[in-house]
Amino acid sequence: MTPGTQADMGPAPIPAAEADLWWEAVENRDASFDAIFRTGVRTTGIYCRPACPARRPFRRNVVFFPDGPSAQRAGFRACLRCRPE
C-alpha cells in the first residue's frame, strides 16, 4: 500500500479551517507550529516539520498528522533534512 492512501491515513481528517491554518504555517515555514503537527507528502512518502527547509510540496499532495508516530503508522518515513522524530 502506498503512503497516504485512504486506507492508511491514520487519525480522522482535521477540520478544513484548521487544515488551511496548518498549510499557511507550512507555506511560511513557521517554526512555532513544529510541536503541533507534521506534514506527510503522498508522492514521496516522507513526513516533515512545518518549518522544514526542503522544497515545499504541492498542497494537493499533503496530508496532516498530529505527530510523527501517526505519520509512521500511515507508512511515511521521517525527512532526512528536518529530522521530525
PDB file of N, CA and C in Angstrom:
ATOM      1  N   MET A   1       0.844  -1.173   0.000  1.00  0.00           N
ATOM      2  CA  MET A   1       0.000   0.000   0.000  1.00  0.00           C
ATOM      3  C   MET A   1       0.894   1.243   0.000  1.00  0.00           C
ATOM      4  N   THR A   2       0.616   2.217  -0.841  1.00  0.00           N
ATOM      5  CA  THR A   2       1.430   3.415  -0.901  1.00  0.00           C
ATOM      6  C   THR A   2       1.061   4.371   0.226  1.00  0.00           C
ATOM      7  N   PRO A   3       2.053   5.111   0.753  1.00  0.00           N
ATOM      8  CA  PRO A   3       1.770   6.057   1.830  1.00  0.00           C
ATOM      9  C   PRO A   3       0.728   7.077   1.406  1.00  0.00           C
ATOM     10  N   GLY A   4      -0.133   7.416   2.325  1.00  0.00           N
ATOM     11  CA  GLY A   4      -1.111   8.458   2.088  1.00  0.00           C
ATOM     12  C   GLY A   4      -2.376   8.010   1.388  1.00  0.00           C
ATOM     13  N   THR A   5      -2.536   6.715   1.159  1.00  0.00           N
ATOM     14  CA  THR A   5      -3.776   6.261   0.555  1.00  0.00           C
ATOM     15  C   THR A   5      -4.868   6.252   1.607  1.00  0.00           C
ATOM     16  N   GLN A   6      -6.095   6.243   1.188  1.00  0.00           N
ATOM     17  CA  GLN A   6      -7.231   6.367   2.110  1.00  0.00           C
ATOM     18  C   GLN A   6      -7.216   5.303   3.200  1.00  0.00           C
ATOM     19  N   ALA A   7      -6.785   4.093   2.889  1.00  0.00           N
ATOM     20  CA  ALA A   7      -6.832   3.003   3.854  1.00  0.00           C
ATOM     21  C   ALA A   7      -5.851   3.175   5.005  1.00  0.00           C
ATOM     22  N   ASP A   8      -4.796   3.984   4.808  1.00  0.00           N
ATOM     23  CA  ASP A   8      -3.793   4.093   5.864  1.00  0.00           C
ATOM     24  C   ASP A   8      -3.583   5.527   6.346  1.00  0.00           C
ATOM     25  N   MET A   9      -4.585   6.353   6.299  1.00  0.00           N
ATOM     26  CA  MET A   9      -4.442   7.750   6.653  1.00  0.00           C
ATOM     27  C   MET A   9      -4.306   8.004   8.145  1.00  0.00           C
ATOM     28  N   GLY A  10      -4.543   7.017   8.985  1.00  0.00           N
ATOM     29  CA  GLY A  10      -4.367   7.206  10.416  1.00  0.00           C
ATOM     30  C   GLY A  10      -5.538   7.910  11.050  1.00  0.00           C
ATOM     31  N   PRO A  11      -5.279   9.001  11.784  1.00  0.00           N
ATOM     32  CA  PRO A  11      -6.342   9.676  12.513  1.00  0.00           C
ATOM     33  C   PRO A  11      -7.383  10.288  11.583  1.00  0.00           C
ATOM     34  N   ALA A  12      -8.526  10.624  12.161  1.00  0.00           N
ATOM     35  CA  ALA A  12      -9.611  11.231  11.396  1.00  0.00           C
ATOM     36  C   ALA A  12      -9.138  12.539  10.776  1.00  0.00           C
ATOM     37  N   PRO A  13      -9.715  12.916   9.635  1.00  0.00           N
ATOM     38  CA  PRO A  13      -9.330  14.165   8.978  1.00  0.00           C
ATOM     39  C   PRO A  13      -9.544  15.367   9.895  1.00  0.00           C
ATOM     40  N   ILE A  14      -8.678  16.359   9.762  1.00  0.00           N
ATOM     41  CA  ILE A  14      -8.824  17.566  10.572  1.00  0.00           C
ATOM     42  C   ILE A  14      -9.803  18.508   9.878  1.00  0.00           C
ATOM     43  N   PRO A  15     -10.446  19.401  10.622  1.00  0.00           N
ATOM     44  CA  PRO A  15     -11.384  20.353  10.019  1.00  0.00           C
ATOM     45  C   PRO A  15     -10.694  21.219   8.959  1.00  0.00           C
ATOM     46  N   ALA A  16     -11.435  21.614   7.939  1.00  0.00           N
ATOM     47  CA  ALA A  16     -10.878  22.382   6.820  1.00  0.00           C
ATOM     48  C   ALA A  16     -10.240  23.684   7.280  1.00  0.00           C
ATOM     49  N   ALA A  17     -10.853  24.364   8.238  1.00  0.00           N
ATOM     50  CA  ALA A  17     -10.290  25.640   8.718  1.00  0.00           C
ATOM     51  C   ALA A  17      -8.919  25.414   9.351  1.00  0.00           C
ATOM     52  N   GLU A  18      -8.796  24.339  10.110  1.00  0.00           N
ATOM     53  CA  GLU A  18      -7.511  24.034  10.742  1.00  0.00           C
ATOM     54  C   GLU A  18      -6.487  23.622   9.684  1.00  0.00           C
ATOM     55  N   ALA A  19      -6.914  22.859   8.686  1.00  0.00           N
ATOM     56  CA  ALA A  19      -6.014  22.457   7.607  1.00  0.00           C
ATOM     57  C   ALA A  19      -5.488  23.683   6.864  1.00  0.00           C
ATOM     58  N   ASP A  20      -6.349  24.666   6.651  1.00  0.00           N
ATOM     59  CA  ASP A  20      -5.916  25.897   5.980  1.00  0.00           C
ATOM     60  C   ASP A  20      -4.888  26.635   6.816  1.00  0.00           C
ATOM     61  N   LEU A  21      -5.100  26.699   8.118  1.00  0.00           N
ATOM     62  CA  LEU A  21      -4.142  27.350   9.021  1.00  0.00           C
ATOM     63  C   LEU A  21      -2.814  26.610   9.013  1.00  0.00           C
ATOM     64  N   TRP A  22      -2.875  25.290   9.071  1.00  0.00           N
ATOM     65  CA  TRP A  22      -1.652  24.481   9.063  1.00  0.00           C
ATOM     66  C   TRP A  22      -0.912  24.621   7.741  1.00  0.00           C
ATOM     67  N   TRP A  23      -1.646  24.674   6.631  1.00  0.00           N
ATOM     68  CA  TRP A  23      -0.981  24.846   5.338  1.00  0.00           C
ATOM     69  C   TRP A  23      -0.300  26.214   5.274  1.00  0.00           C
ATOM     70  N   GLU A  24      -0.928  27.231   5.834  1.00  0.00           N
ATOM     71  CA  GLU A  24      -0.306  28.556   5.885  1.00  0.00           C
ATOM     72  C   GLU A  24       1.004  28.501   6.677  1.00  0.00           C
ATOM     73  N   ALA A  25       1.013  27.733   7.765  1.00  0.00           N
ATOM     74  CA  ALA A  25       2.237  27.565   8.561  1.00  0.00           C
ATOM     75  C   ALA A  25       3.331  26.892   7.727  1.00  0.00           C
ATOM     76  N   VAL A  26       2.956  25.919   6.906  1.00  0.00           N
ATOM     77  CA  VAL A  26       3.927  25.252   6.026  1.00  0.00           C
ATOM     78  C   VAL A  26       4.457  26.238   4.989  1.00  0.00           C
ATOM     79  N   GLU A  27       3.573  27.006   4.382  1.00  0.00           N
ATOM     80  CA  GLU A  27       3.998  27.990   3.376  1.00  0.00           C
ATOM     81  C   GLU A  27       4.980  28.999   3.951  1.00  0.00           C
ATOM     82  N   ASN A  28       4.753  29.404   5.203  1.00  0.00           N
ATOM     83  CA  ASN A  28       5.603  30.404   5.859  1.00  0.00           C
ATOM     84  C   ASN A  28       6.777  29.794   6.612  1.00  0.00           C
ATOM     85  N   ARG A  29       6.855  28.464   6.611  1.00  0.00           N
ATOM     86  CA  ARG A  29       7.893  27.739   7.372  1.00  0.00           C
ATOM     87  C   ARG A  29       7.926  28.237   8.826  1.00  0.00           C
ATOM     88  N   ASP A  30       6.752  28.280   9.413  1.00  0.00           N
ATOM     89  CA  ASP A  30       6.563  28.802  10.766  1.00  0.00           C
ATOM     90  C   ASP A  30       6.955  27.759  11.817  1.00  0.00           C
ATOM     91  N   ALA A  31       8.096  27.956  12.448  1.00  0.00           N
ATOM     92  CA  ALA A  31       8.620  27.004  13.436  1.00  0.00           C
ATOM     93  C   ALA A  31       7.767  26.930  14.697  1.00  0.00           C
ATOM     94  N   SER A  32       6.907  27.914  14.932  1.00  0.00           N
ATOM     95  CA  SER A  32       6.060  27.867  16.127  1.00  0.00           C
ATOM     96  C   SER A  32       5.029  26.733  16.036  1.00  0.00           C
ATOM     97  N   PHE A  33       4.838  26.160  14.865  1.00  0.00           N
ATOM     98  CA  PHE A  33       3.899  25.054  14.687  1.00  0.00           C
ATOM     99  C   PHE A  33       4.592  23.685  14.740  1.00  0.00           C
ATOM    100  N   ASP A  34       5.910  23.673  14.881  1.00  0.00           N
ATOM    101  CA  ASP A  34       6.657  22.408  14.843  1.00  0.00           C
ATOM    102  C   ASP A  34       6.214  21.399  15.895  1.00  0.00           C
ATOM    103  N   ALA A  35       5.747  21.854  17.028  1.00  0.00           N
ATOM    104  CA  ALA A  35       5.304  20.938  18.090  1.00  0.00           C
ATOM    105  C   ALA A  35       3.833  20.559  17.955  1.00  0.00           C
ATOM    106  N   ILE A  36       3.139  21.104  16.953  1.00  0.00           N
ATOM    107  CA  ILE A  36       1.693  20.904  16.834  1.00  0.00           C
ATOM    108  C   ILE A  36       1.318  19.833  15.815  1.00  0.00           C
ATOM    109  N   PHE A  37       2.019  19.767  14.683  1.00  0.00           N
ATOM    110  CA  PHE A  37       1.647  18.805  13.643  1.00  0.00           C
ATOM    111  C   PHE A  37       2.830  18.450  12.761  1.00  0.00           C
ATOM    112  N   ARG A  38       2.634  17.454  11.923  1.00  0.00           N
ATOM    113  CA  ARG A  38       3.593  17.033  10.910  1.00  0.00           C
ATOM    114  C   ARG A  38       2.871  16.986   9.565  1.00  0.00           C
ATOM    115  N   THR A  39       3.607  17.204   8.487  1.00  0.00           N
ATOM    116  CA  THR A  39       3.028  17.084   7.157  1.00  0.00           C
ATOM    117  C   THR A  39       3.588  15.842   6.484  1.00  0.00           C
ATOM    118  N   GLY A  40       2.715  15.082   5.863  1.00  0.00           N
ATOM    119  CA  GLY A  40       3.132  13.931   5.072  1.00  0.00           C
ATOM    120  C   GLY A  40       2.936  14.254   3.606  1.00  0.00           C
ATOM    121  N   VAL A  41       3.892  13.867   2.780  1.00  0.00           N
ATOM    122  CA  VAL A  41       3.792  14.113   1.343  1.00  0.00           C
ATOM    123  C   VAL A  41       3.500  12.785   0.652  1.00  0.00           C
ATOM    124  N   ARG A  42       2.327  12.683   0.087  1.00  0.00           N
ATOM    125  CA  ARG A  42       1.872  11.421  -0.513  1.00  0.00           C
ATOM    126  C   ARG A  42       2.783  10.929  -1.626  1.00  0.00           C
ATOM    127  N   THR A  43       3.320  11.824  -2.421  1.00  0.00           N
ATOM    128  CA  THR A  43       4.110  11.419  -3.586  1.00  0.00           C
ATOM    129  C   THR A  43       5.506  10.924  -3.222  1.00  0.00           C
ATOM    130  N   THR A  44       6.008  11.313  -2.058  1.00  0.00           N
ATOM    131  CA  THR A  44       7.356  10.883  -1.658  1.00  0.00           C
ATOM    132  C   THR A  44       7.341   9.891  -0.502  1.00  0.00           C
ATOM    133  N   GLY A  45       6.253   9.881   0.275  1.00  0.00           N
ATOM    134  CA  GLY A  45       6.187   9.009   1.434  1.00  0.00           C
ATOM    135  C   GLY A  45       7.002   9.522   2.607  1.00  0.00           C
ATOM    136  N   ILE A  46       7.272  10.826   2.618  1.00  0.00           N
ATOM    137  CA  ILE A  46       8.087  11.448   3.668  1.00  0.00           C
ATOM    138  C   ILE A  46       7.218  12.379   4.501  1.00  0.00           C
ATOM    139  N   TYR A  47       7.506  12.452   5.820  1.00  0.00           N
ATOM    140  CA  TYR A  47       6.824  13.440   6.654  1.00  0.00           C
ATOM    141  C   TYR A  47       7.843  14.398   7.243  1.00  0.00           C
ATOM    142  N   CYS A  48       7.410  15.652   7.442  1.00  0.00           N
ATOM    143  CA  CYS A  48       8.294  16.743   7.873  1.00  0.00           C
ATOM    144  C   CYS A  48       7.647  17.607   8.947  1.00  0.00           C
ATOM    145  N   ARG A  49       8.489  18.463   9.526  1.00  0.00           N
ATOM    146  CA  ARG A  49       8.020  19.539  10.393  1.00  0.00           C
ATOM    147  C   ARG A  49       7.513  20.667   9.492  1.00  0.00           C
ATOM    148  N   PRO A  50       6.644  21.534   9.984  1.00  0.00           N
ATOM    149  CA  PRO A  50       6.163  22.654   9.161  1.00  0.00           C
ATOM    150  C   PRO A  50       7.280  23.594   8.702  1.00  0.00           C
ATOM    151  N   ALA A  51       8.334  23.741   9.488  1.00  0.00           N
ATOM    152  CA  ALA A  51       9.421  24.662   9.155  1.00  0.00           C
ATOM    153  C   ALA A  51      10.547  24.002   8.358  1.00  0.00           C
ATOM    154  N   CYS A  52      10.338  22.835   7.826  1.00  0.00           N
ATOM    155  CA  CYS A  52      11.378  22.111   7.084  1.00  0.00           C
ATOM    156  C   CYS A  52      11.914  22.966   5.938  1.00  0.00           C
ATOM    157  N   PRO A  53      13.251  23.022   5.778  1.00  0.00           N
ATOM    158  CA  PRO A  53      13.832  23.830   4.705  1.00  0.00           C
ATOM    159  C   PRO A  53      13.766  23.169   3.323  1.00  0.00           C
ATOM    160  N   ALA A  54      13.310  21.927   3.250  1.00  0.00           N
ATOM    161  CA  ALA A  54      13.216  21.244   1.952  1.00  0.00           C
ATOM    162  C   ALA A  54      12.185  21.933   1.061  1.00  0.00           C
ATOM    163  N   ARG A  55      12.255  21.629  -0.211  1.00  0.00           N
ATOM    164  CA  ARG A  55      11.304  22.196  -1.160  1.00  0.00           C
ATOM    165  C   ARG A  55       9.871  21.918  -0.710  1.00  0.00           C
ATOM    166  N   ARG A  56       9.044  22.943  -0.800  1.00  0.00           N
ATOM    167  CA  ARG A  56       7.651  22.828  -0.349  1.00  0.00           C
ATOM    168  C   ARG A  56       6.856  21.972  -1.344  1.00  0.00           C
ATOM    169  N   PRO A  57       6.072  21.012  -0.847  1.00  0.00           N
ATOM    170  CA  PRO A  57       5.271  20.169  -1.749  1.00  0.00           C
ATOM    171  C   PRO A  57       4.028  20.903  -2.234  1.00  0.00           C
ATOM    172  N   PHE A  58       3.401  20.348  -3.252  1.00  0.00           N
ATOM    173  CA  PHE A  58       2.109  20.876  -3.686  1.00  0.00           C
ATOM    174  C   PHE A  58       1.078  20.556  -2.614  1.00  0.00           C
ATOM    175  N   ARG A  59       0.150  21.465  -2.391  1.00  0.00           N
ATOM    176  CA  ARG A  59      -0.881  21.287  -1.356  1.00  0.00           C
ATOM    177  C   ARG A  59      -1.685  20.009  -1.582  1.00  0.00           C
ATOM    178  N   ARG A  60      -1.965  19.692  -2.825  1.00  0.00           N
ATOM    179  CA  ARG A  60      -2.789  18.510  -3.120  1.00  0.00           C
ATOM    180  C   ARG A  60      -2.112  17.203  -2.705  1.00  0.00           C
ATOM    181  N   ASN A  61      -0.794  17.227  -2.487  1.00  0.00           N
ATOM    182  CA  ASN A  61      -0.052  16.026  -2.104  1.00  0.00           C
ATOM    183  C   ASN A  61       0.191  15.922  -0.602  1.00  0.00           C
ATOM    184  N   VAL A  62      -0.312  16.876   0.175  1.00  0.00           N
ATOM    185  CA  VAL A  62      -0.013  16.940   1.609  1.00  0.00           C
ATOM    186  C   VAL A  62      -1.174  16.401   2.448  1.00  0.00           C
ATOM    187  N   VAL A  63      -0.806  15.642   3.471  1.00  0.00           N
ATOM    188  CA  VAL A  63      -1.756  15.189   4.478  1.00  0.00           C
ATOM    189  C   VAL A  63      -1.150  15.572   5.831  1.00  0.00           C
ATOM    190  N   PHE A  64      -1.989  15.957   6.785  1.00  0.00           N
ATOM    191  CA  PHE A  64      -1.508  16.403   8.088  1.00  0.00           C
ATOM    192  C   PHE A  64      -1.668  15.316   9.142  1.00  0.00           C
ATOM    193  N   PHE A  65      -0.707  15.271  10.058  1.00  0.00           N
ATOM    194  CA  PHE A  65      -0.724  14.325  11.174  1.00  0.00           C
ATOM    195  C   PHE A  65      -0.443  15.079  12.469  1.00  0.00           C
ATOM    196  N   PRO A  66      -1.010  14.619  13.582  1.00  0.00           N
ATOM    197  CA  PRO A  66      -0.771  15.302  14.856  1.00  0.00           C
ATOM    198  C   PRO A  66       0.653  15.107  15.387  1.00  0.00           C
ATOM    199  N   ASP A  67       1.328  14.032  14.931  1.00  0.00           N
ATOM    200  CA  ASP A  67       2.684  13.759  15.422  1.00  0.00           C
ATOM    201  C   ASP A  67       3.395  12.785  14.485  1.00  0.00           C
ATOM    202  N   GLY A  68       4.686  12.582  14.730  1.00  0.00           N
ATOM    203  CA  GLY A  68       5.483  11.678  13.911  1.00  0.00           C
ATOM    204  C   GLY A  68       5.030  10.226  13.943  1.00  0.00           C
ATOM    205  N   PRO A  69       4.745   9.673  15.135  1.00  0.00           N
ATOM    206  CA  PRO A  69       4.301   8.274  15.163  1.00  0.00           C
ATOM    207  C   PRO A  69       3.039   8.023  14.333  1.00  0.00           C
ATOM    208  N   SER A  70       2.127   8.972  14.289  1.00  0.00           N
ATOM    209  CA  SER A  70       0.925   8.820  13.461  1.00  0.00           C
ATOM    210  C   SER A  70       1.307   8.736  11.983  1.00  0.00           C
ATOM    211  N   ALA A  71       2.241   9.572  11.575  1.00  0.00           N
ATOM    212  CA  ALA A  71       2.701   9.552  10.184  1.00  0.00           C
ATOM    213  C   ALA A  71       3.401   8.236   9.869  1.00  0.00           C
ATOM    214  N   GLN A  72       4.195   7.743  10.808  1.00  0.00           N
ATOM    215  CA  GLN A  72       4.893   6.473  10.594  1.00  0.00           C
ATOM    216  C   GLN A  72       3.907   5.311  10.481  1.00  0.00           C
ATOM    217  N   ARG A  73       2.880   5.304  11.307  1.00  0.00           N
ATOM    218  CA  ARG A  73       1.866   4.251  11.227  1.00  0.00           C
ATOM    219  C   ARG A  73       1.144   4.270   9.883  1.00  0.00           C
ATOM    220  N   ALA A  74       1.069   5.446   9.273  1.00  0.00           N
ATOM    221  CA  ALA A  74       0.417   5.575   7.966  1.00  0.00           C
ATOM    222  C   ALA A  74       1.372   5.237   6.819  1.00  0.00           C
ATOM    223  N   GLY A  75       2.603   4.870   7.144  1.00  0.00           N
ATOM    224  CA  GLY A  75       3.548   4.437   6.120  1.00  0.00           C
ATOM    225  C   GLY A  75       4.546   5.473   5.654  1.00  0.00           C
ATOM    226  N   PHE A  76       4.625   6.617   6.310  1.00  0.00           N
ATOM    227  CA  PHE A  76       5.576   7.655   5.932  1.00  0.00           C
ATOM    228  C   PHE A  76       6.871   7.481   6.715  1.00  0.00           C
ATOM    229  N   ARG A  77       7.987   7.932   6.139  1.00  0.00           N
ATOM    230  CA  ARG A  77       9.266   7.915   6.849  1.00  0.00           C
ATOM    231  C   ARG A  77       9.685   9.353   7.145  1.00  0.00           C
ATOM    232  N   ALA A  78      10.539   9.520   8.140  1.00  0.00           N
ATOM    233  CA  ALA A  78      10.975  10.856   8.559  1.00  0.00           C
ATOM    234  C   ALA A  78      11.887  11.496   7.515  1.00  0.00           C
ATOM    235  N   CYS A  79      11.760  12.794   7.366  1.00  0.00           N
ATOM    236  CA  CYS A  79      12.602  13.593   6.477  1.00  0.00           C
ATOM    237  C   CYS A  79      14.038  13.577   6.990  1.00  0.00           C
ATOM    238  N   LEU A  80      14.987  13.465   6.103  1.00  0.00           N
ATOM    239  CA  LEU A  80      16.397  13.451   6.495  1.00  0.00           C
ATOM    240  C   LEU A  80      16.949  14.861   6.709  1.00  0.00           C
ATOM    241  N   ARG A  81      16.219  15.892   6.263  1.00  0.00           N
ATOM    242  CA  ARG A  81      16.695  17.262   6.464  1.00  0.00           C
ATOM    243  C   ARG A  81      16.234  17.845   7.793  1.00  0.00           C
ATOM    244  N   CYS A  82      14.946  17.722   8.100  1.00  0.00           N
ATOM    245  CA  CYS A  82      14.439  18.371   9.315  1.00  0.00           C
ATOM    246  C   CYS A  82      14.368  17.436  10.518  1.00  0.00           C
ATOM    247  N   ARG A  83      14.552  16.138  10.305  1.00  0.00           N
ATOM    248  CA  ARG A  83      14.552  15.149  11.407  1.00  0.00           C
ATOM    249  C   ARG A  83      13.368  15.355  12.353  1.00  0.00           C
ATOM    250  N   PRO A  84      12.143  15.105  11.885  1.00  0.00           N
ATOM    251  CA  PRO A  84      10.949  15.401  12.691  1.00  0.00           C
ATOM    252  C   PRO A  84      10.619  14.414  13.796  1.00  0.00           C
ATOM    253  N   GLU A  85      11.439  13.400  14.033  1.00  0.00           N
ATOM    254  CA  GLU A  85      11.117  12.407  15.061  1.00  0.00           C
ATOM    255  C   GLU A  85      10.933  13.134  16.328  1.00  0.00           C
TER     256      GLU A  85
END
